[in-house]
Amino acid sequence: MWLETIDFVQQNPDCFERWLTIGHITGSAWIVDNSHKHVLLMHHRKLDRWFQPGGHADGDPDIQQVALKEAQEETGLTDIKAVDSKLFDIDIHLIPANSKDTAHLHYDIRFLMQADRNEPLKINSESKNLAWVLLEDVYRYNDSESIMRMVKKMKIISKIFE
């Protein structure tokens, strides 16, 4: 996926624009609490599934800032911090056609972020629900290869912080 994403960016100067109909870069945040044992998931309204917060770059090439902005908008959290500037994960997934858009690919660039689990959450128009979920219970919300890959990475990182 890394090489495919690099190739996509090199071949598409407008890769950060939502209107690029073949696909576009998106940014998302894998938000963990201070203990690194819980992750914040959102029940996506349109897709009716649980995912990490994130969204469209809308032309902004600072994809970590995009991920942070989307995470704040979609969760209501105001104090989210990037754990570091390195990419946490990359995923390419198909977004099904809807009344506005044809089917297209999201080249999702994901960053590891941290927030206080005690800060109040605020559901917005893009979500049905938000939940802090123990890493070992994430599969009950979404057991896709993409999500479970991030759970595995987080379990490795958590052991380092123990």
C-alpha atoms as a PDB file:
ATOM      1  CA  MET A   1       0.000   0.000   0.000  1.00  0.00           C
ATOM      2  CA  TRP A   2       2.886   2.349   0.715  1.00  0.00           C
ATOM      3  CA  LEU A   3       4.273   2.072  -2.812  1.00  0.00           C
ATOM      4  CA  GLU A   4       0.830   2.295  -4.414  1.00  0.00           C
ATOM      5  CA  THR A   5       0.124   5.473  -2.450  1.00  0.00           C
ATOM      6  CA  ILE A   6       3.470   7.027  -3.399  1.00  0.00           C
ATOM      7  CA  ASP A   7       2.796   6.147  -7.033  1.00  0.00           C
ATOM      8  CA  PHE A   8      -0.704   7.665  -6.825  1.00  0.00           C
ATOM      9  CA  VAL A   9       0.648  10.924  -5.379  1.00  0.00           C
ATOM     10  CA  GLN A  10       3.408  11.153  -8.002  1.00  0.00           C
ATOM     11  CA  GLN A  11       0.964  10.570 -10.872  1.00  0.00           C
ATOM     12  CA  ASN A  12      -1.789  12.889  -9.596  1.00  0.00           C
ATOM     13  CA  PRO A  13      -0.771  16.444  -8.715  1.00  0.00           C
ATOM     14  CA  ASP A  14      -4.354  17.046  -7.521  1.00  0.00           C
ATOM     15  CA  CYS A  15      -4.307  14.023  -5.182  1.00  0.00           C
ATOM     16  CA  PHE A  16      -5.381  16.116  -2.171  1.00  0.00           C
ATOM     17  CA  GLU A  17      -8.537  17.363  -3.915  1.00  0.00           C
ATOM     18  CA  ARG A  18     -11.855  15.675  -3.175  1.00  0.00           C
ATOM     19  CA  TRP A  19     -13.039  16.269  -6.745  1.00  0.00           C
ATOM     20  CA  LEU A  20     -10.375  13.917  -8.169  1.00  0.00           C
ATOM     21  CA  THR A  21     -12.861  11.209  -9.136  1.00  0.00           C
ATOM     22  CA  ILE A  22     -10.502   8.226  -9.279  1.00  0.00           C
ATOM     23  CA  GLY A  23      -9.551   8.785  -5.650  1.00  0.00           C
ATOM     24  CA  HIS A  24      -7.817  11.143  -3.271  1.00  0.00           C
ATOM     25  CA  ILE A  25      -5.660  11.377  -0.173  1.00  0.00           C
ATOM     26  CA  THR A  26      -7.464  11.415   3.155  1.00  0.00           C
ATOM     27  CA  GLY A  27      -6.089  11.807   6.652  1.00  0.00           C
ATOM     28  CA  SER A  28      -7.190  10.015   9.786  1.00  0.00           C
ATOM     29  CA  ALA A  29      -6.260   9.777  13.448  1.00  0.00           C
ATOM     30  CA  TRP A  30      -5.842   6.602  15.477  1.00  0.00           C
ATOM     31  CA  ILE A  31      -6.536   8.255  18.833  1.00  0.00           C
ATOM     32  CA  VAL A  32      -5.473   6.436  21.978  1.00  0.00           C
ATOM     33  CA  ASP A  33      -5.892   7.425  25.594  1.00  0.00           C
ATOM     34  CA  ASN A  34      -2.999   8.140  27.955  1.00  0.00           C
ATOM     35  CA  SER A  35      -2.744   4.469  28.943  1.00  0.00           C
ATOM     36  CA  HIS A  36      -2.539   3.396  25.267  1.00  0.00           C
ATOM     37  CA  LYS A  37      -5.122   0.703  26.055  1.00  0.00           C
ATOM     38  CA  HIS A  38      -8.195   2.403  24.584  1.00  0.00           C
ATOM     39  CA  VAL A  39      -8.831   3.774  21.108  1.00  0.00           C
ATOM     40  CA  LEU A  40     -11.536   6.233  20.101  1.00  0.00           C
ATOM     41  CA  LEU A  41     -13.854   4.939  17.376  1.00  0.00           C
ATOM     42  CA  MET A  42     -16.714   6.680  15.639  1.00  0.00           C
ATOM     43  CA  HIS A  43     -19.789   5.097  14.122  1.00  0.00           C
ATOM     44  CA  HIS A  44     -19.782   6.656  10.651  1.00  0.00           C
ATOM     45  CA  ARG A  45     -23.249   7.846   9.651  1.00  0.00           C
ATOM     46  CA  LYS A  46     -23.003   7.329   5.855  1.00  0.00           C
ATOM     47  CA  LEU A  47     -21.073   4.049   5.907  1.00  0.00           C
ATOM     48  CA  ASP A  48     -22.864   2.710   9.030  1.00  0.00           C
ATOM     49  CA  ARG A  49     -19.649   1.179  10.403  1.00  0.00           C
ATOM     50  CA  TRP A  50     -17.144   1.965  13.141  1.00  0.00           C
ATOM     51  CA  PHE A  51     -13.879   3.626  12.086  1.00  0.00           C
ATOM     52  CA  GLN A  52     -11.206   5.969  13.358  1.00  0.00           C
ATOM     53  CA  PRO A  53     -11.959   9.696  12.805  1.00  0.00           C
ATOM     54  CA  GLY A  54     -10.677  11.252   9.602  1.00  0.00           C
ATOM     55  CA  GLY A  55     -11.614  12.833   6.335  1.00  0.00           C
ATOM     56  CA  HIS A  56     -10.842  14.711   3.153  1.00  0.00           C
ATOM     57  CA  ALA A  57      -7.828  16.970   2.693  1.00  0.00           C
ATOM     58  CA  ASP A  58      -9.758  19.417   0.486  1.00  0.00           C
ATOM     59  CA  GLY A  59      -6.525  20.579  -1.131  1.00  0.00           C
ATOM     60  CA  ASP A  60      -4.406  20.743   2.041  1.00  0.00           C
ATOM     61  CA  PRO A  61      -1.145  18.786   1.585  1.00  0.00           C
ATOM     62  CA  ASP A  62      -0.391  18.923   5.352  1.00  0.00           C
ATOM     63  CA  ILE A  63      -2.117  15.612   5.877  1.00  0.00           C
ATOM     64  CA  GLN A  64      -1.214  15.334   9.579  1.00  0.00           C
ATOM     65  CA  GLN A  65      -2.940  18.675  10.160  1.00  0.00           C
ATOM     66  CA  VAL A  66      -5.912  17.389   8.138  1.00  0.00           C
ATOM     67  CA  ALA A  67      -6.106  14.291  10.359  1.00  0.00           C
ATOM     68  CA  LEU A  68      -5.972  16.437  13.502  1.00  0.00           C
ATOM     69  CA  LYS A  69      -8.612  18.880  12.234  1.00  0.00           C
ATOM     70  CA  GLU A  70     -10.956  16.068  11.205  1.00  0.00           C
ATOM     71  CA  ALA A  71     -10.453  14.301  14.542  1.00  0.00           C
ATOM     72  CA  GLN A  72     -11.338  17.480  16.450  1.00  0.00           C
ATOM     73  CA  GLU A  73     -14.408  18.145  14.296  1.00  0.00           C
ATOM     74  CA  GLU A  74     -15.693  14.575  14.457  1.00  0.00           C
ATOM     75  CA  THR A  75     -15.113  13.948  18.179  1.00  0.00           C
ATOM     76  CA  GLY A  76     -15.423  17.341  19.844  1.00  0.00           C
ATOM     77  CA  LEU A  77     -12.058  16.774  21.539  1.00  0.00           C
ATOM     78  CA  THR A  78      -9.994  19.944  21.796  1.00  0.00           C
ATOM     79  CA  ASP A  79      -6.768  18.559  23.235  1.00  0.00           C
ATOM     80  CA  ILE A  80      -5.573  15.921  20.775  1.00  0.00           C
ATOM     81  CA  LYS A  81      -1.828  15.595  20.352  1.00  0.00           C
ATOM     82  CA  ALA A  82       0.179  13.792  17.684  1.00  0.00           C
ATOM     83  CA  VAL A  83       2.362  11.131  19.288  1.00  0.00           C
ATOM     84  CA  ASP A  84       4.950  11.919  16.605  1.00  0.00           C
ATOM     85  CA  SER A  85       5.110  13.105  13.021  1.00  0.00           C
ATOM     86  CA  LYS A  86       5.737   9.663  11.507  1.00  0.00           C
ATOM     87  CA  LEU A  87       3.007   7.865   9.602  1.00  0.00           C
ATOM     88  CA  PHE A  88       1.271   5.238  11.707  1.00  0.00           C
ATOM     89  CA  ASP A  89      -0.460   3.412   8.860  1.00  0.00           C
ATOM     90  CA  ILE A  90      -1.577   3.736   5.255  1.00  0.00           C
ATOM     91  CA  ASP A  91      -4.639   2.093   3.794  1.00  0.00           C
ATOM     92  CA  ILE A  92      -6.292   2.116   0.394  1.00  0.00           C
ATOM     93  CA  HIS A  93      -9.984   1.368   0.419  1.00  0.00           C
ATOM     94  CA  LEU A  94     -12.911   1.667  -1.952  1.00  0.00           C
ATOM     95  CA  ILE A  95     -15.657   4.127  -1.149  1.00  0.00           C
ATOM     96  CA  PRO A  96     -18.922   2.928  -2.701  1.00  0.00           C
ATOM     97  CA  ALA A  97     -20.876   5.122  -5.092  1.00  0.00           C
ATOM     98  CA  ASN A  98     -23.572   7.303  -3.577  1.00  0.00           C
ATOM     99  CA  SER A  99     -26.026   9.930  -4.810  1.00  0.00           C
ATOM    100  CA  LYS A 100     -23.236  12.530  -5.151  1.00  0.00           C
ATOM    101  CA  ASP A 101     -20.102  10.568  -6.047  1.00  0.00           C
ATOM    102  CA  THR A 102     -19.003   7.631  -8.149  1.00  0.00           C
ATOM    103  CA  ALA A 103     -17.107   4.822  -6.457  1.00  0.00           C
ATOM    104  CA  HIS A 104     -13.543   5.916  -5.780  1.00  0.00           C
ATOM    105  CA  LEU A 105     -10.472   5.109  -3.689  1.00  0.00           C
ATOM    106  CA  HIS A 106      -9.351   6.726  -0.471  1.00  0.00           C
ATOM    107  CA  TYR A 107      -5.613   6.669   0.058  1.00  0.00           C
ATOM    108  CA  ASP A 108      -5.829   7.098   3.815  1.00  0.00           C
ATOM    109  CA  ILE A 109      -2.754   8.397   5.642  1.00  0.00           C
ATOM    110  CA  ARG A 110      -3.067   7.627   9.349  1.00  0.00           C
ATOM    111  CA  PHE A 111      -1.348   9.195  12.343  1.00  0.00           C
ATOM    112  CA  LEU A 112      -1.104   8.047  15.934  1.00  0.00           C
ATOM    113  CA  MET A 113      -2.598  10.635  18.278  1.00  0.00           C
ATOM    114  CA  GLN A 114      -3.395  10.800  21.959  1.00  0.00           C
ATOM    115  CA  ALA A 115      -6.202  12.402  23.968  1.00  0.00           C
ATOM    116  CA  ASP A 116      -7.640  12.393  27.473  1.00  0.00           C
ATOM    117  CA  ARG A 117     -10.405   9.809  27.751  1.00  0.00           C
ATOM    118  CA  ASN A 118     -12.136  12.014  30.352  1.00  0.00           C
ATOM    119  CA  GLU A 119     -12.658  14.935  27.976  1.00  0.00           C
ATOM    120  CA  PRO A 120     -16.309  15.040  26.847  1.00  0.00           C
ATOM    121  CA  LEU A 121     -17.100  13.734  23.351  1.00  0.00           C
ATOM    122  CA  LYS A 122     -19.507  15.474  20.966  1.00  0.00           C
ATOM    123  CA  ILE A 123     -21.262  13.603  18.174  1.00  0.00           C
ATOM    124  CA  ASN A 124     -21.611  15.620  14.966  1.00  0.00           C
ATOM    125  CA  SER A 125     -23.545  15.183  11.711  1.00  0.00           C
ATOM    126  CA  GLU A 126     -21.007  12.682  10.364  1.00  0.00           C
ATOM    127  CA  SER A 127     -21.307  10.221  13.226  1.00  0.00           C
ATOM    128  CA  LYS A 128     -23.967   8.160  14.945  1.00  0.00           C
ATOM    129  CA  ASN A 129     -21.868   7.508  18.036  1.00  0.00           C
ATOM    130  CA  LEU A 130     -18.386   7.754  19.566  1.00  0.00           C
ATOM    131  CA  ALA A 131     -16.796   5.269  21.946  1.00  0.00           C
ATOM    132  CA  TRP A 132     -13.530   4.649  23.727  1.00  0.00           C
ATOM    133  CA  VAL A 133     -12.882   0.954  23.127  1.00  0.00           C
ATOM    134  CA  LEU A 134     -10.352  -1.356  24.760  1.00  0.00           C
ATOM    135  CA  LEU A 135      -7.869  -2.519  22.128  1.00  0.00           C
ATOM    136  CA  GLU A 136      -8.794  -6.153  22.728  1.00  0.00           C
ATOM    137  CA  ASP A 137     -12.473  -5.339  22.057  1.00  0.00           C
ATOM    138  CA  VAL A 138     -12.047  -3.392  18.800  1.00  0.00           C
ATOM    139  CA  TYR A 139     -12.851  -6.504  16.733  1.00  0.00           C
ATOM    140  CA  ARG A 140     -16.417  -6.332  18.105  1.00  0.00           C
ATOM    141  CA  TYR A 141     -16.850  -2.945  16.397  1.00  0.00           C
ATOM    142  CA  ASN A 142     -14.881  -3.492  13.215  1.00  0.00           C
ATOM    143  CA  ASP A 143     -12.791  -6.568  12.491  1.00  0.00           C
ATOM    144  CA  SER A 144     -11.557  -5.473   9.064  1.00  0.00           C
ATOM    145  CA  GLU A 145      -7.940  -6.196   8.186  1.00  0.00           C
ATOM    146  CA  SER A 146      -7.271  -2.459   8.055  1.00  0.00           C
ATOM    147  CA  ILE A 147      -8.513  -1.757  11.591  1.00  0.00           C
ATOM    148  CA  MET A 148      -7.020  -4.905  13.088  1.00  0.00           C
ATOM    149  CA  ARG A 149      -3.623  -4.013  11.587  1.00  0.00           C
ATOM    150  CA  MET A 150      -3.670  -0.772  13.601  1.00  0.00           C
ATOM    151  CA  VAL A 151      -4.718  -2.666  16.739  1.00  0.00           C
ATOM    152  CA  LYS A 152      -1.716  -4.983  16.317  1.00  0.00           C
ATOM    153  CA  LYS A 153       0.634  -2.034  15.861  1.00  0.00           C
ATOM    154  CA  MET A 154      -0.809  -0.351  18.935  1.00  0.00           C
ATOM    155  CA  LYS A 155      -0.369  -3.460  21.068  1.00  0.00           C
ATOM    156  CA  ILE A 156       3.324  -3.503  20.129  1.00  0.00           C
ATOM    157  CA  ILE A 157       3.686   0.187  20.957  1.00  0.00           C
ATOM    158  CA  SER A 158       1.817  -0.278  24.262  1.00  0.00           C
ATOM    159  CA  LYS A 159       4.357  -2.867  25.389  1.00  0.00           C
ATOM    160  CA  ILE A 160       7.124  -0.316  24.856  1.00  0.00           C
ATOM    161  CA  PHE A 161       5.358   2.164  27.182  1.00  0.00           C
ATOM    162  CA  GLU A 162       4.742  -0.400  29.967  1.00  0.00           C
END
